[in-house]
Protein backbone atom coordinates (compact mmCIF):
# COMPACT_ATOMS: atom_id res chain seq x y z
CA MET A 1 0.04 0.13 0.05
CA ASN A 2 1.06 3.27 -0.94
CA LYS A 3 1.20 5.95 2.04
CA SER A 4 1.21 9.52 1.35
CA ASN A 5 2.72 12.17 3.47
CA TYR A 6 0.84 15.30 3.37
CA GLU A 7 2.73 17.30 5.85
CA HIS A 8 5.16 19.55 4.04
CA GLN A 9 7.95 21.99 5.72
CA TRP A 10 9.70 25.20 4.91
CA PRO A 11 13.81 24.96 5.23
CA LEU A 12 14.71 27.04 8.11
CA VAL A 13 17.80 29.32 7.79
CA GLY A 14 20.07 30.62 10.71
CA HIS A 15 23.10 32.56 10.36
CA ASN A 16 25.84 34.24 12.33
CA SER A 17 28.76 36.74 11.54
CA PHE A 18 32.10 36.46 12.62
CA LEU A 19 34.71 39.21 12.86
CA VAL A 20 38.55 38.54 13.56
CA VAL A 21 38.06 39.70 17.14
CA ASP A 22 35.28 36.96 17.64
CA PHE A 23 38.08 34.48 17.06
CA ALA A 24 40.68 35.98 19.41
CA THR A 25 40.23 33.92 22.30
CA LEU A 26 38.49 31.00 20.95
CA ALA A 27 39.17 29.61 17.41
CA THR A 28 35.97 27.54 17.41
CA GLN A 29 32.45 29.41 17.63
CA LYS A 30 29.01 28.28 17.57
CA VAL A 31 26.92 29.20 14.29
CA ILE A 32 23.49 27.95 15.40
CA GLY A 33 21.82 25.37 17.30
CA LEU A 34 20.21 22.44 15.70
CA PRO A 35 17.47 20.08 17.26
CA ALA A 36 17.62 16.33 17.20
CA GLY A 37 16.74 14.97 13.88
CA ALA A 38 17.84 18.09 11.83
CA GLN A 39 19.49 17.86 8.45
CA VAL A 40 21.55 20.44 7.01
CA ILE A 41 20.41 20.83 3.08
CA ASN A 42 22.32 23.69 2.05
CA GLY A 43 24.73 26.55 3.44
CA TRP A 44 27.31 29.11 2.48
CA VAL A 45 29.73 31.50 3.81
CA LEU A 46 29.45 35.02 2.68
CA VAL A 47 32.74 36.79 3.00
CA THR A 48 32.24 40.62 3.11
CA THR A 49 35.18 41.83 4.29
CA PRO A 50 38.33 39.69 3.43
CA TYR A 51 40.59 38.62 6.39
CA ASP A 52 44.02 40.32 5.98
CA SER A 53 46.30 37.65 7.76
CA ALA A 54 49.85 37.36 5.99
CA THR A 55 49.54 33.79 4.67
CA THR A 56 46.15 31.94 5.17
CA ALA A 57 42.94 32.51 6.70
CA VAL A 58 40.60 29.60 6.47
CA LEU A 59 37.27 28.50 8.01
CA ASP A 60 35.94 24.79 8.71
CA VAL A 61 32.11 24.49 9.51
CA GLY A 62 30.76 21.43 11.08
CA ASP A 63 30.07 20.14 14.68
CA VAL A 64 31.66 19.06 17.57
CA ALA A 65 32.08 15.48 16.27
CA LEU A 66 33.42 16.40 12.98
CA PRO A 67 34.43 20.19 12.80
CA ASN A 68 34.57 20.05 8.94
CA ARG A 69 31.59 18.05 8.22
CA TYR A 70 30.11 20.59 5.83
CA ALA A 71 33.29 22.79 4.93
CA ASN A 72 37.15 21.98 5.00
CA ASP A 73 39.29 25.28 4.60
CA ILE A 74 37.12 27.86 3.34
CA ASP A 75 39.40 30.74 2.14
CA LEU A 76 38.67 34.06 3.93
CA LYS A 77 41.05 36.15 2.18
CA THR A 78 38.85 36.59 -0.62
CA ALA A 79 35.28 38.35 -0.82
CA GLY A 80 32.36 36.19 -2.07
CA ARG A 81 30.09 33.56 -1.49
CA LYS A 82 31.55 30.05 -1.04
CA ASN A 83 29.37 27.09 -0.76
CA LEU A 84 29.26 24.67 1.98
CA THR A 85 28.48 20.65 0.99
CA PRO A 86 25.58 19.05 2.89
CA THR A 87 26.49 15.58 3.68
CA GLY A 88 23.01 13.97 4.57
CA PHE A 89 24.14 13.77 8.23
CA LEU A 90 21.11 13.62 10.47
CA THR A 91 21.87 14.80 14.07
CA THR A 92 20.86 12.28 16.57
CA ALA A 93 20.72 14.88 19.46
CA ALA A 94 20.42 18.63 19.64
CA GLY A 95 23.79 20.34 19.06
CA ALA A 96 25.45 23.26 17.40
CA VAL A 97 27.04 23.90 13.89
CA THR A 98 30.53 25.41 14.36
CA ALA A 99 32.83 27.51 12.75
CA THR A 100 36.75 26.88 13.28
CA PHE A 101 39.30 29.54 12.29
CA THR A 102 42.87 29.08 11.32
CA GLN A 103 45.26 31.29 10.22
CA THR A 104 49.12 31.33 9.34
CA GLY A 105 51.44 34.13 9.08
CA THR A 106 51.00 37.71 10.61
CA PRO A 107 47.60 37.38 12.26
CA ALA A 108 44.77 39.24 10.55
CA THR A 109 43.51 42.60 11.96
CA VAL A 110 40.16 43.06 9.76
CA GLY A 111 37.84 40.62 8.32
CA GLU A 112 34.00 39.54 8.52
CA ALA A 113 32.46 36.41 7.11
CA ARG A 114 28.74 35.40 7.56
CA VAL A 115 27.74 31.78 7.98
CA TYR A 116 24.45 30.68 6.81
CA ILE A 117 22.81 27.43 7.43
CA GLU A 118 19.67 25.94 5.60
CA TYR A 119 18.22 23.05 7.39
CA ILE A 120 14.96 20.88 7.99
CA ALA A 121 14.02 19.25 11.22
CA ALA A 122 12.46 15.85 11.92
CA ARG A 123 8.77 15.72 13.00
CA LYS A 124 7.89 19.46 11.95
CA SER A 125 5.34 20.55 9.62
CA ASP A 126 4.46 24.04 8.40
CA GLU A 127 1.49 23.18 6.24
CA ILE A 128 -0.73 20.12 5.17
CA GLN A 129 -1.60 19.78 1.37
CA ASP A 130 -3.29 17.09 -0.33
């Protein structure tokens, strides 16, 4: 028997901006919290002000278990949108998407990036449709 699911949900989007000073005391920062059963379906980093470190400035996006689950070494030294790679991973417990900053050479003094995370959540419905 074919069982139809009439429940539909809109994707949820969370974001957080990060300046160089946000990483001064802690290299890993929380982007957004996710509920249990969430799945990241899209995401990107928008570098609005390039980081001016001497050699490299990169960002990993992931979670506590796998810090680069969605992105590894996103270049923060050039402006623009850099896409994440959704993995199909379903969270088993509530937790956070994290951003981990690494730089080499003379430390950056300026830079700003915004991380966007689009996700869906299990057992959530925004509308019902035939």
